[in-house]
Amino acid sequence: MRNLIIYFLAFQLFNFLTTKTLAEVGQAGQDIAVLKAGVGARPLGMGGAFTAVSDNADAISWNPGGLGFVEQSEITTMQTKLSTDADHYYVSYVRPALGGTIGVSWVQVGVGSLTQTSAEADEHNEVVDLGIFSYYSNAYLLSYGKKINEQVSFGVAAKYLTSDMYQINGGQAYGYSISPGILIKLPVTSNQSPVAGNQLTLGLKIDELINAQKWGTGSIENVPPRVRLGLAYQMSNPGLFALDVSQTMKSAYAPEAALGYEWAKDGLSLRTGYAAGCLTAGAGFISGHTRIDYAYIFQQVLSRDNVQRISLSGIW
């Protein structure tokens, strides 16, 4: 029965990848920008194929269902220059507590010190500086994950969202979002015996299942939920393979796929991935209680340039 479930889910992933919708249907609508920037150099180096992995402090954002299997405290931080004017900040902390694992996280995308000019030139044919413009969008996440048994973990992440367009009338907003997730571990067997060092995991997350953001103008924005399905296969040799497929639950959205790979040995990790037509690469090194991760990606959402990501983590 377990093998039938695995084959069915694998077929569904393949069906998502090969559907004509991927090539024929354009994207529509907007997602919450601060949540689309991507966090954690390790998952980003794997192309974002992390839904079925989610075994560290980045699980709060990628799949809170994985938190139940996190059995040690960890804090990770990252700061990135997305473009000339945009900065991205990220801090995440997880700790086993309350019969499971709790996590808190903060993500910010900010654009500061932009000059706001007049729409028309003055009598000297010059634009007039009207003031300094800045924009900050924050997401504060509180999450909890718990093992149902040795194979299944369930979690949920609650997010409080704020946006502020400085000195722009009605440019302030606040909102909320709820994202549940589940992670399932399935043993790999051969002749009815477990294969040592091999592990198959399935992950499911629903981004923004419930959400709303209200602006100072009185308008309320809702983004469509997005379902993420992940499959990961850990081998003792040659490494970790991961596949993610996501689908926004609204017409005119095409499914998106991501592939990732990680090789790790003696504290050193090498990674690569593929998502949205772009390759990613990364590396990591762990020594004692400290881990450093690096990723080189193409940040499509908030920058037209290639972006380097570095995460610094403490584990205890």
Protein backbone atom coordinates (compact mmCIF):
# COMPACT_ATOMS: atom_id res chain seq x y z
CA MET A 1 0.00 0.00 0.00
CA ARG A 2 2.85 2.37 0.85
CA ASN A 3 4.47 1.75 -2.54
CA LEU A 4 1.17 2.50 -4.29
CA ILE A 5 0.96 5.85 -2.49
CA ILE A 6 4.54 6.69 -3.46
CA TYR A 7 3.94 5.81 -7.12
CA PHE A 8 0.71 7.82 -7.21
CA LEU A 9 2.32 10.95 -5.76
CA ALA A 10 5.31 10.61 -8.07
CA PHE A 11 2.94 10.34 -11.03
CA GLN A 12 1.11 13.48 -9.93
CA LEU A 13 4.41 15.35 -9.75
CA PHE A 14 5.33 14.17 -13.24
CA ASN A 15 1.87 15.15 -14.51
CA PHE A 16 2.34 18.68 -13.15
CA LEU A 17 5.71 18.94 -14.89
CA THR A 18 4.44 17.82 -18.28
CA THR A 19 1.10 19.60 -18.42
CA LYS A 20 0.55 21.98 -21.33
CA THR A 21 -0.65 24.61 -18.93
CA LEU A 22 2.93 25.30 -17.92
CA ALA A 23 3.73 26.61 -21.39
CA GLU A 24 0.39 27.93 -22.52
CA VAL A 25 -1.02 29.83 -19.55
CA GLY A 26 0.44 33.13 -18.32
CA GLN A 27 0.70 34.25 -14.72
CA ALA A 28 -1.86 36.61 -13.20
CA GLY A 29 -2.29 38.55 -9.99
CA GLN A 30 0.19 39.48 -7.27
CA ASP A 31 1.56 37.66 -4.24
CA ILE A 32 2.74 39.30 -1.02
CA ALA A 33 6.16 40.61 -2.07
CA VAL A 34 7.91 40.25 1.29
CA LEU A 35 7.00 36.54 1.32
CA LYS A 36 8.21 35.92 -2.24
CA ALA A 37 11.78 37.11 -1.76
CA GLY A 38 12.97 33.67 -0.57
CA VAL A 39 14.93 32.97 2.60
CA GLY A 40 17.85 30.78 3.60
CA ALA A 41 20.96 30.23 1.48
CA ARG A 42 20.66 26.45 1.76
CA PRO A 43 17.16 26.06 0.26
CA LEU A 44 17.81 28.82 -2.29
CA GLY A 45 20.99 27.07 -3.42
CA MET A 46 18.80 24.01 -4.10
CA GLY A 47 16.49 25.99 -6.36
CA GLY A 48 13.87 26.32 -3.63
CA ALA A 49 13.07 22.60 -3.72
CA PHE A 50 12.80 22.42 0.06
CA THR A 51 9.17 21.56 0.91
CA ALA A 52 10.01 17.91 1.60
CA VAL A 53 13.35 18.73 3.30
CA SER A 54 12.61 21.54 5.83
CA ASP A 55 14.89 20.20 8.55
CA ASN A 56 16.34 23.45 9.94
CA ALA A 57 15.33 26.95 11.02
CA ASP A 58 14.28 27.76 7.44
CA ALA A 59 11.37 25.32 7.85
CA ILE A 60 9.24 28.13 9.30
CA SER A 61 9.02 29.67 5.84
CA TRP A 62 9.42 26.62 3.57
CA ASN A 63 7.26 24.07 5.39
CA PRO A 64 6.35 24.33 9.09
CA GLY A 65 5.36 20.67 8.90
CA GLY A 66 9.03 19.81 9.15
CA LEU A 67 9.45 21.53 12.51
CA GLY A 68 8.24 18.48 14.42
CA PHE A 69 11.36 16.60 13.33
CA VAL A 70 13.72 19.43 14.36
CA GLU A 71 15.18 18.30 17.69
CA GLN A 72 17.74 21.03 18.38
CA SER A 73 17.75 24.79 18.75
CA GLU A 74 18.93 26.85 15.80
CA ILE A 75 19.12 30.48 14.80
CA THR A 76 19.91 31.67 11.29
CA THR A 77 20.27 35.12 9.78
CA MET A 78 20.76 36.60 6.33
CA GLN A 79 21.07 40.08 4.83
CA THR A 80 21.00 40.62 1.07
CA LYS A 81 21.25 43.54 -1.31
CA LEU A 82 18.56 42.71 -3.87
CA SER A 83 19.28 45.74 -6.02
CA THR A 84 20.79 49.22 -5.78
CA ASP A 85 18.00 50.38 -3.49
CA ALA A 86 16.34 47.24 -2.08
CA ASP A 87 17.54 45.42 1.04
CA HIS A 88 16.34 42.06 2.33
CA TYR A 89 16.70 41.03 6.00
CA TYR A 90 15.89 37.66 7.55
CA VAL A 91 16.20 36.14 11.03
CA SER A 92 14.75 32.81 12.14
CA TYR A 93 14.90 30.91 15.44
CA VAL A 94 13.55 27.46 16.35
CA ARG A 95 13.55 25.58 19.63
CA PRO A 96 12.04 22.29 20.86
CA ALA A 97 9.28 23.19 23.33
CA LEU A 98 5.65 22.49 24.28
CA GLY A 99 5.83 18.89 23.13
CA GLY A 100 7.01 19.91 19.66
CA THR A 101 9.09 22.69 18.14
CA ILE A 102 8.28 26.41 18.12
CA GLY A 103 9.75 28.98 15.79
CA VAL A 104 9.79 32.74 15.31
CA SER A 105 11.01 34.58 12.24
CA TRP A 106 11.26 38.07 10.77
CA VAL A 107 11.54 39.01 7.11
CA GLN A 108 11.85 42.52 5.70
CA VAL A 109 12.14 44.00 2.23
CA GLY A 110 12.96 47.69 2.30
CA VAL A 111 13.61 50.43 -0.21
CA GLY A 112 14.88 53.65 1.34
CA SER A 113 16.03 57.15 0.41
CA LEU A 114 14.33 57.37 -2.97
CA THR A 115 13.71 60.89 -4.23
CA GLN A 116 10.09 61.64 -5.13
CA THR A 117 9.91 64.12 -8.01
CA SER A 118 7.13 66.12 -9.64
CA ALA A 119 5.31 64.62 -12.59
CA GLU A 120 5.86 67.75 -14.69
CA ALA A 121 8.85 70.04 -15.23
CA ASP A 122 8.90 73.60 -13.88
CA GLU A 123 9.45 76.81 -15.86
CA HIS A 124 13.14 75.93 -16.12
CA ASN A 125 12.28 72.56 -17.68
CA GLU A 126 13.47 70.72 -14.58
CA VAL A 127 11.67 68.29 -12.32
CA VAL A 128 11.18 69.36 -8.71
CA ASP A 129 12.20 67.21 -5.76
CA LEU A 130 9.13 66.74 -3.59
CA GLY A 131 10.77 64.75 -0.82
CA ILE A 132 12.34 61.46 0.17
CA PHE A 133 10.33 58.30 -0.42
CA SER A 134 10.86 54.95 1.30
CA TYR A 135 9.01 51.64 1.51
CA TYR A 136 9.26 48.84 4.05
CA SER A 137 7.36 45.55 4.12
CA ASN A 138 7.67 43.21 7.10
CA ALA A 139 6.50 39.70 7.93
CA TYR A 140 6.58 38.43 11.52
CA LEU A 141 6.12 34.66 11.73
CA LEU A 142 5.16 32.47 14.68
CA SER A 143 5.05 28.74 14.04
CA TYR A 144 4.65 25.40 15.77
CA GLY A 145 5.27 21.87 14.58
CA LYS A 146 4.63 18.53 16.27
CA LYS A 147 5.29 14.90 15.42
CA ILE A 148 2.10 12.86 15.17
CA ASN A 149 4.26 9.73 15.14
CA GLU A 150 7.75 8.78 13.97
CA GLN A 151 6.71 9.19 10.33
CA VAL A 152 4.38 12.22 10.29
CA SER A 153 4.79 15.81 11.48
CA PHE A 154 2.27 18.64 11.18
CA GLY A 155 2.87 22.35 11.60
CA VAL A 156 1.42 25.78 10.99
CA ALA A 157 2.91 29.26 10.53
CA ALA A 158 0.96 32.40 11.43
CA LYS A 159 2.21 35.66 9.90
CA TYR A 160 1.58 39.29 10.79
CA LEU A 161 2.26 41.59 7.84
CA THR A 162 2.97 45.31 7.73
CA SER A 163 3.75 47.67 4.87
CA ASP A 164 4.66 51.35 5.03
CA MET A 165 5.11 53.80 2.17
CA TYR A 166 6.63 56.65 4.12
CA GLN A 167 4.75 59.97 3.82
CA ILE A 168 2.35 58.54 1.23
CA ASN A 169 -1.29 59.04 2.17
CA GLY A 170 -2.96 55.64 2.51
CA GLY A 171 0.36 53.87 1.93
CA GLN A 172 0.29 51.98 5.23
CA ALA A 173 -1.08 48.45 5.55
CA TYR A 174 -1.33 45.57 7.96
CA GLY A 175 -2.55 42.03 7.55
CA TYR A 176 -2.23 38.38 8.43
CA SER A 177 -1.65 35.01 6.82
CA ILE A 178 -1.93 31.34 7.87
CA SER A 179 0.12 28.57 6.21
CA PRO A 180 -0.19 24.90 7.34
CA GLY A 181 2.14 22.11 6.31
CA ILE A 182 2.84 18.41 6.74
CA LEU A 183 5.94 16.26 6.33
CA ILE A 184 5.85 12.47 5.95
CA LYS A 185 8.87 10.17 6.24
CA LEU A 186 8.69 6.87 4.41
CA PRO A 187 11.38 4.22 4.87
CA VAL A 188 13.04 2.82 1.78
CA THR A 189 13.02 -0.98 1.81
CA SER A 190 14.63 -3.76 -0.18
CA ASN A 191 13.32 -7.29 0.25
CA GLN A 192 11.17 -6.03 3.12
CA SER A 193 14.24 -4.69 4.97
CA PRO A 194 15.07 -0.98 5.46
CA VAL A 195 17.93 0.35 3.37
CA ALA A 196 20.42 1.98 5.73
CA GLY A 197 21.02 5.68 5.07
CA ASN A 198 18.15 6.04 2.61
CA GLN A 199 15.04 8.13 3.35
CA LEU A 200 12.08 9.20 1.24
CA THR A 201 10.05 12.21 2.44
CA LEU A 202 6.89 13.85 1.17
CA GLY A 203 5.98 17.44 2.00
CA LEU A 204 2.81 19.44 1.53
CA LYS A 205 2.30 23.11 2.35
CA ILE A 206 -0.48 25.58 1.58
CA ASP A 207 0.89 29.11 1.40
CA GLU A 208 -1.48 31.86 2.53
CA LEU A 209 -4.43 29.50 3.04
CA ILE A 210 -6.15 32.34 4.94
CA ASN A 211 -4.92 35.89 4.39
CA ALA A 212 -5.88 39.54 4.15
CA GLN A 213 -4.05 42.85 4.02
CA LYS A 214 -5.83 46.17 4.64
CA TRP A 215 -4.41 49.46 3.34
CA GLY A 216 -4.85 52.95 4.70
CA THR A 217 -7.13 53.73 1.77
CA GLY A 218 -9.60 51.17 3.13
CA SER A 219 -9.02 48.61 0.39
CA ILE A 220 -8.45 45.00 1.41
CA GLU A 221 -6.18 42.70 -0.60
CA ASN A 222 -6.30 38.92 -0.66
CA VAL A 223 -3.87 36.70 -2.51
CA PRO A 224 -4.84 33.25 -3.79
CA PRO A 225 -3.47 30.31 -1.77
CA ARG A 226 -0.65 28.28 -3.28
CA VAL A 227 -0.27 24.53 -2.82
CA ARG A 228 3.29 23.20 -2.68
CA LEU A 229 3.99 19.48 -3.04
CA GLY A 230 7.50 18.20 -2.46
CA LEU A 231 9.35 14.92 -2.81
CA ALA A 232 12.86 14.33 -1.42
CA TYR A 233 15.06 11.26 -1.51
CA GLN A 234 18.07 11.03 0.78
CA MET A 235 20.69 8.46 -0.20
CA SER A 236 23.81 7.52 1.70
CA ASN A 237 25.55 8.06 -1.63
CA PRO A 238 25.43 10.25 -3.72
CA GLY A 239 23.24 12.69 -1.73
CA LEU A 240 19.87 14.42 -1.40
CA PHE A 241 17.57 14.86 -4.39
CA ALA A 242 14.49 17.12 -4.12
CA LEU A 243 11.58 18.07 -6.36
CA ASP A 244 8.93 20.72 -5.69
CA VAL A 245 5.78 21.50 -7.65
CA SER A 246 3.57 24.46 -6.73
CA GLN A 247 0.20 25.59 -8.02
CA THR A 248 -1.60 28.84 -7.25
CA MET A 249 -5.27 28.13 -6.62
CA LYS A 250 -6.66 30.54 -9.17
CA SER A 251 -7.36 30.36 -12.88
CA ALA A 252 -4.73 31.62 -15.32
CA TYR A 253 -1.88 30.51 -13.07
CA ALA A 254 0.55 27.91 -14.39
CA PRO A 255 2.18 25.34 -12.11
CA GLU A 256 5.83 25.87 -11.26
CA ALA A 257 8.52 23.27 -10.63
CA ALA A 258 11.88 23.31 -8.87
CA LEU A 259 14.67 20.75 -8.70
CA GLY A 260 17.43 20.59 -6.11
CA TYR A 261 20.43 18.49 -5.14
CA GLU A 262 22.75 18.50 -2.14
CA TRP A 263 25.93 16.50 -1.55
CA ALA A 264 27.26 16.55 2.00
CA LYS A 265 30.25 14.92 3.67
CA ASP A 266 32.48 15.75 6.64
CA GLY A 267 30.80 19.11 7.27
CA LEU A 268 31.04 20.30 3.65
CA SER A 269 28.00 20.64 1.38
CA LEU A 270 27.70 21.38 -2.32
CA ARG A 271 24.35 22.26 -3.88
CA THR A 272 22.70 23.02 -7.17
CA GLY A 273 19.16 23.61 -8.34
CA TYR A 274 16.90 24.63 -11.16
CA ALA A 275 13.78 26.79 -10.98
CA ALA A 276 11.91 29.15 -13.29
CA GLY A 277 14.36 28.53 -16.12
CA CYS A 278 17.40 29.46 -14.01
CA LEU A 279 20.19 27.47 -12.43
CA THR A 280 21.26 27.99 -8.83
CA ALA A 281 24.35 26.90 -6.97
CA GLY A 282 25.54 26.89 -3.40
CA ALA A 283 27.81 25.49 -0.74
CA GLY A 284 27.84 25.11 3.01
CA PHE A 285 30.28 24.41 5.81
CA ILE A 286 29.57 23.39 9.39
CA SER A 287 32.06 23.41 12.24
CA GLY A 288 31.00 22.74 15.79
CA HIS A 289 27.88 24.81 16.46
CA THR A 290 28.33 27.14 13.48
CA ARG A 291 27.16 26.73 9.89
CA ILE A 292 27.76 29.04 6.92
CA ASP A 293 25.74 28.64 3.72
CA TYR A 294 26.19 30.39 0.38
CA ALA A 295 23.91 30.55 -2.66
CA TYR A 296 24.15 32.19 -6.06
CA ILE A 297 20.75 32.71 -7.64
CA PHE A 298 18.80 34.84 -10.05
CA GLN A 299 16.34 36.88 -7.98
CA GLN A 300 13.45 37.29 -10.40
CA VAL A 301 10.96 38.88 -8.05
CA LEU A 302 12.74 41.94 -6.74
CA SER A 303 15.93 42.24 -8.78
CA ARG A 304 17.05 41.81 -12.37
CA ASP A 305 20.58 40.95 -11.33
CA ASN A 306 22.15 37.76 -10.02
CA VAL A 307 22.13 37.78 -6.24
CA GLN A 308 24.53 36.19 -3.78
CA ARG A 309 23.03 34.94 -0.52
CA ILE A 310 24.96 34.12 2.66
CA SER A 311 23.38 32.64 5.78
CA LEU A 312 25.06 32.36 9.16
CA SER A 313 23.55 29.85 11.60
CA GLY A 314 24.15 28.70 15.16
CA ILE A 315 23.06 25.21 16.26
CA TRP A 316 22.98 23.81 19.80
